[in-house]
Amino acid sequence: MNDGNNKTPRKIEESSKSVVGSSSAVRPSGWKKLLSKRWVFPAAYMAAAAIIVAILWVYSGTGKDEAKQTVTDPTEVNGDATTGAKDSDAAPVVANTETLRWPVDKMEDMKTTMPFYDESASLEAREAAMVEYKGNFKPHMAIDLAREDAKTFDVLAALSGEVTVAEQTPNNNFVVEIKHADGLVTVYQSLDNLQVKVGDQVEQGDLIATAGQSEQEASEGYHVHFEVRSNGNSVNPASLIKAENK
């Protein structure tokens, strides 16, 4: 009897264990149930994408703010307000609002004794602008001015600039050359009573000499030979002088 009683509980215990084991083997876990849902993976993907976008937005905004803070104002160099260039590289800018004027005080008192030689002018006009000296002819690359009454007069600087030539020559009496901005040079010949020297800085309208006579243009009497050169080429002064200065 005792052996029969002992065998019975073992069988019951073994059968209960097998039942428990079999139930745990077939019961799915909570994660497996969750992952078996169709909406889980799309939802996880969307959540991850949202997190990435948020991170990128935060960092991009921070980068812009840092960039704004680190950019140096181009108008502040070495603690001073400048035009954006360093002091060592800055070039002085000179505002030149002058326009060329005639080298005389009152143009209405003057007459042209020798015109500028214009290649496009008529044959008669070109012949009138040829200078003859000792049997040689050459184009007159200036305008000669004399008073109507044939008297002498003051010769004035047509533009502000620096005197680069102030000397007497055998054929043209005293000669003055003044250098201006933009490659412009004004030339004054047939002068007397020179008032300037090389290196002088003159202002527009300053007295530089008086009108005289020259051997090369002796027939013109007291006059000024007025020439304008632009980068070494002679140009007609009248083409550069505004109407109010004529």
Protein backbone atom coordinates (compact mmCIF):
# COMPACT_ATOMS: atom_id res chain seq x y z
CA MET A 1 0.00 0.00 0.00
CA ASN A 2 2.78 2.37 0.98
CA ASP A 3 4.60 1.78 -2.29
CA GLY A 4 1.39 2.46 -4.18
CA ASN A 5 0.90 5.71 -2.28
CA ASN A 6 4.45 6.83 -2.98
CA LYS A 7 4.15 6.22 -6.71
CA THR A 8 0.99 8.18 -7.08
CA PRO A 9 2.31 11.59 -5.92
CA ARG A 10 5.35 11.31 -8.17
CA LYS A 11 3.19 10.72 -11.17
CA ILE A 12 1.00 13.61 -10.23
CA GLU A 13 4.06 15.88 -9.69
CA GLU A 14 5.64 14.84 -12.97
CA SER A 15 2.43 15.32 -14.84
CA SER A 16 1.98 18.78 -13.31
CA LYS A 17 5.53 19.80 -14.31
CA SER A 18 4.96 18.65 -17.85
CA VAL A 19 1.78 20.67 -18.01
CA VAL A 20 3.50 23.82 -16.69
CA GLY A 21 6.42 23.37 -19.08
CA SER A 22 4.17 22.91 -22.02
CA SER A 23 2.13 26.04 -21.18
CA SER A 24 5.25 28.26 -20.88
CA ALA A 25 6.58 26.99 -24.18
CA VAL A 26 3.50 27.90 -26.16
CA ARG A 27 2.71 31.21 -24.40
CA PRO A 28 4.24 34.14 -26.42
CA SER A 29 6.09 36.87 -24.50
CA GLY A 30 4.85 40.53 -24.26
CA TRP A 31 7.57 41.86 -26.67
CA LYS A 32 6.74 39.24 -29.25
CA LYS A 33 3.11 40.24 -29.08
CA LEU A 34 4.05 43.90 -29.46
CA LEU A 35 6.43 43.30 -32.36
CA SER A 36 3.84 41.17 -34.08
CA LYS A 37 1.67 44.26 -34.56
CA ARG A 38 1.87 45.76 -38.06
CA TRP A 39 1.93 49.37 -36.90
CA VAL A 40 4.94 48.97 -34.56
CA PHE A 41 7.78 49.30 -37.11
CA PRO A 42 6.30 52.29 -39.05
CA ALA A 43 5.62 54.05 -35.75
CA ALA A 44 9.19 53.43 -34.56
CA TYR A 45 10.60 54.66 -37.87
CA MET A 46 8.54 57.85 -37.71
CA ALA A 47 9.59 58.51 -34.14
CA ALA A 48 13.29 58.04 -34.99
CA ALA A 49 12.96 60.34 -38.00
CA ALA A 50 11.31 63.02 -35.88
CA ILE A 51 14.11 62.83 -33.31
CA ILE A 52 16.80 63.17 -36.02
CA VAL A 53 15.06 66.18 -37.61
CA ALA A 54 14.74 67.85 -34.21
CA ILE A 55 18.46 67.32 -33.48
CA LEU A 56 19.48 68.73 -36.87
CA TRP A 57 17.25 71.77 -36.41
CA VAL A 58 18.67 72.53 -32.97
CA TYR A 59 22.30 72.24 -34.12
CA SER A 60 21.74 74.26 -37.29
CA GLY A 61 20.19 77.09 -35.31
CA THR A 62 23.07 77.06 -32.86
CA GLY A 63 25.62 77.16 -35.72
CA LYS A 64 23.97 80.21 -37.22
CA ASP A 65 23.96 82.02 -33.90
CA GLU A 66 27.63 81.18 -33.36
CA ALA A 67 28.48 82.33 -36.88
CA LYS A 68 26.68 85.62 -36.27
CA GLN A 69 28.62 86.10 -33.07
CA THR A 70 32.01 85.34 -34.61
CA VAL A 71 31.65 87.47 -37.80
CA THR A 72 33.69 90.64 -37.46
CA ASP A 73 32.14 93.89 -38.62
CA PRO A 74 34.14 94.84 -41.76
CA THR A 75 33.90 98.49 -40.79
CA GLU A 76 35.81 97.90 -37.55
CA VAL A 77 39.49 97.12 -37.99
CA ASN A 78 42.11 97.69 -35.30
CA GLY A 79 39.44 99.26 -33.13
CA ASP A 80 38.76 102.10 -35.57
CA ALA A 81 35.95 102.68 -38.03
CA THR A 82 37.30 102.17 -41.54
CA THR A 83 36.00 101.40 -45.00
CA GLY A 84 36.65 97.70 -44.55
CA ALA A 85 40.36 97.67 -45.45
CA LYS A 86 43.25 97.49 -43.02
CA ASP A 87 45.18 100.66 -42.33
CA SER A 88 48.22 99.34 -44.17
CA ASP A 89 46.17 98.60 -47.30
CA ALA A 90 44.05 101.73 -47.30
CA ALA A 91 44.73 104.12 -50.15
CA PRO A 92 43.86 107.82 -49.85
CA VAL A 93 40.88 108.81 -51.95
CA VAL A 94 40.88 112.33 -53.34
CA ALA A 95 37.53 113.73 -54.41
CA ASN A 96 38.20 115.78 -57.51
CA THR A 97 35.08 117.70 -58.46
CA GLU A 98 36.93 120.20 -60.66
CA THR A 99 36.36 120.48 -64.37
CA LEU A 100 38.84 121.92 -66.82
CA ARG A 101 38.59 125.67 -67.41
CA TRP A 102 40.29 128.08 -69.77
CA PRO A 103 43.58 129.52 -68.45
CA VAL A 104 42.28 133.11 -68.55
CA ASP A 105 40.02 135.21 -66.36
CA LYS A 106 37.46 136.38 -68.93
CA MET A 107 37.08 134.30 -72.04
CA GLU A 108 34.82 136.94 -73.60
CA ASP A 109 37.84 139.26 -73.88
CA MET A 110 39.84 136.65 -75.78
CA LYS A 111 40.15 135.38 -79.33
CA THR A 112 41.65 132.21 -80.79
CA THR A 113 44.78 133.03 -82.76
CA MET A 114 45.61 129.41 -83.63
CA PRO A 115 43.07 126.53 -83.42
CA PHE A 116 43.61 122.89 -82.48
CA TYR A 117 44.45 120.58 -85.37
CA ASP A 118 41.50 118.23 -85.93
CA GLU A 119 42.06 115.40 -88.39
CA SER A 120 38.32 115.15 -89.06
CA ALA A 121 37.97 118.85 -89.90
CA SER A 122 37.81 120.33 -93.37
CA LEU A 123 40.95 120.88 -95.41
CA GLU A 124 40.73 124.63 -94.84
CA ALA A 125 40.43 124.19 -91.07
CA ARG A 126 43.37 121.80 -90.99
CA GLU A 127 45.53 124.19 -92.99
CA ALA A 128 44.68 126.96 -90.52
CA ALA A 129 45.90 124.71 -87.68
CA MET A 130 49.37 124.09 -89.17
CA VAL A 131 52.35 125.82 -87.54
CA GLU A 132 55.13 126.95 -89.90
CA TYR A 133 58.57 127.44 -88.37
CA LYS A 134 61.72 127.83 -90.42
CA GLY A 135 60.13 126.24 -93.46
CA ASN A 136 58.73 123.26 -91.54
CA PHE A 137 55.02 122.62 -90.98
CA LYS A 138 53.51 120.66 -88.13
CA PRO A 139 49.98 120.24 -86.69
CA HIS A 140 49.11 122.64 -83.86
CA MET A 141 48.09 120.40 -80.96
CA ALA A 142 46.89 123.22 -78.71
CA ILE A 143 44.72 126.34 -78.72
CA ASP A 144 46.38 129.76 -78.70
CA LEU A 145 44.53 132.58 -76.97
CA ALA A 146 45.16 136.34 -77.15
CA ARG A 147 43.28 139.42 -76.01
CA GLU A 148 41.16 141.27 -78.52
CA ASP A 149 43.10 144.45 -77.73
CA ALA A 150 46.46 142.62 -78.16
CA LYS A 151 47.54 143.44 -74.57
CA THR A 152 49.17 140.99 -72.19
CA PHE A 153 47.09 139.20 -69.55
CA ASP A 154 47.29 136.82 -66.60
CA VAL A 155 47.64 133.10 -67.30
CA LEU A 156 45.86 130.92 -64.72
CA ALA A 157 46.02 127.24 -63.79
CA ALA A 158 43.26 125.39 -65.62
CA LEU A 159 43.15 122.67 -62.93
CA SER A 160 44.67 122.07 -59.51
CA GLY A 161 47.84 120.02 -59.59
CA GLU A 162 51.62 119.86 -59.25
CA VAL A 163 54.05 121.89 -61.35
CA THR A 164 56.42 119.46 -63.08
CA VAL A 165 58.03 121.83 -65.61
CA ALA A 166 58.80 125.54 -65.20
CA GLU A 167 61.58 126.67 -67.51
CA GLN A 168 62.57 128.96 -70.35
CA THR A 169 63.11 127.54 -73.82
CA PRO A 170 64.71 129.10 -76.95
CA ASN A 171 61.62 128.88 -79.15
CA ASN A 172 58.61 129.11 -76.83
CA ASN A 173 59.76 131.51 -74.09
CA PHE A 174 58.74 130.25 -70.62
CA VAL A 175 56.95 126.91 -70.44
CA VAL A 176 54.93 125.47 -67.54
CA GLU A 177 53.51 121.96 -67.23
CA ILE A 178 51.11 120.93 -64.46
CA LYS A 179 50.27 117.31 -63.65
CA HIS A 180 46.72 116.48 -62.57
CA ALA A 181 44.76 113.37 -61.63
CA ASP A 182 43.80 110.63 -64.10
CA GLY A 183 46.86 111.06 -66.34
CA LEU A 184 45.96 114.63 -67.32
CA VAL A 185 48.63 117.28 -67.97
CA THR A 186 48.12 120.92 -68.93
CA VAL A 187 50.84 122.78 -70.85
CA TYR A 188 51.29 126.57 -71.05
CA GLN A 189 53.80 128.14 -73.46
CA SER A 190 54.79 131.63 -74.62
CA LEU A 191 54.85 132.93 -71.04
CA ASP A 192 56.47 135.86 -69.22
CA ASN A 193 56.90 136.72 -65.53
CA LEU A 194 56.86 133.15 -64.27
CA GLN A 195 55.18 132.83 -60.84
CA VAL A 196 55.68 129.13 -60.09
CA LYS A 197 58.49 126.60 -59.82
CA VAL A 198 58.82 122.82 -60.09
CA GLY A 199 57.20 121.05 -57.15
CA ASP A 200 54.66 123.79 -56.41
CA GLN A 201 51.10 122.70 -55.69
CA VAL A 202 48.71 125.07 -57.41
CA GLU A 203 44.97 125.46 -57.15
CA GLN A 204 42.66 125.94 -60.09
CA GLY A 205 42.65 129.63 -61.03
CA ASP A 206 46.03 130.42 -59.43
CA LEU A 207 48.29 132.85 -61.31
CA ILE A 208 51.19 130.98 -62.93
CA ALA A 209 52.55 133.67 -65.34
CA THR A 210 51.57 136.39 -67.79
CA ALA A 211 51.10 136.04 -71.52
CA GLY A 212 54.27 136.69 -73.55
CA GLN A 213 55.62 136.20 -77.05
CA SER A 214 57.55 133.34 -78.59
CA GLU A 215 59.91 132.99 -81.52
CA GLN A 216 58.03 130.01 -82.91
CA GLU A 217 54.68 131.84 -82.95
CA ALA A 218 55.93 135.39 -83.30
CA SER A 219 53.04 136.54 -85.52
CA GLU A 220 50.54 136.02 -82.70
CA GLY A 221 51.96 138.67 -80.36
CA TYR A 222 51.05 138.31 -76.65
CA HIS A 223 49.28 135.02 -76.29
CA VAL A 224 49.20 131.75 -74.37
CA HIS A 225 49.72 128.40 -76.07
CA PHE A 226 47.37 126.09 -74.10
CA GLU A 227 47.71 122.32 -74.56
CA VAL A 228 46.05 119.40 -72.78
CA ARG A 229 47.50 115.87 -72.75
CA SER A 230 45.64 112.78 -71.60
CA ASN A 231 48.00 109.89 -70.89
CA GLY A 232 50.55 111.46 -73.24
CA ASN A 233 48.14 112.19 -76.10
CA SER A 234 47.15 115.73 -77.03
CA VAL A 235 43.42 116.38 -76.95
CA ASN A 236 41.37 119.40 -77.93
CA PRO A 237 40.94 121.51 -74.74
CA ALA A 238 37.55 122.72 -75.96
CA SER A 239 36.23 119.14 -75.89
CA LEU A 240 36.96 118.86 -72.15
CA ILE A 241 35.72 122.26 -71.00
CA LYS A 242 32.09 122.53 -69.97
CA ALA A 243 29.87 125.16 -71.54
CA GLU A 244 29.79 127.31 -68.37
CA ASN A 245 33.60 127.52 -68.42
CA LYS A 246 33.87 128.44 -72.10
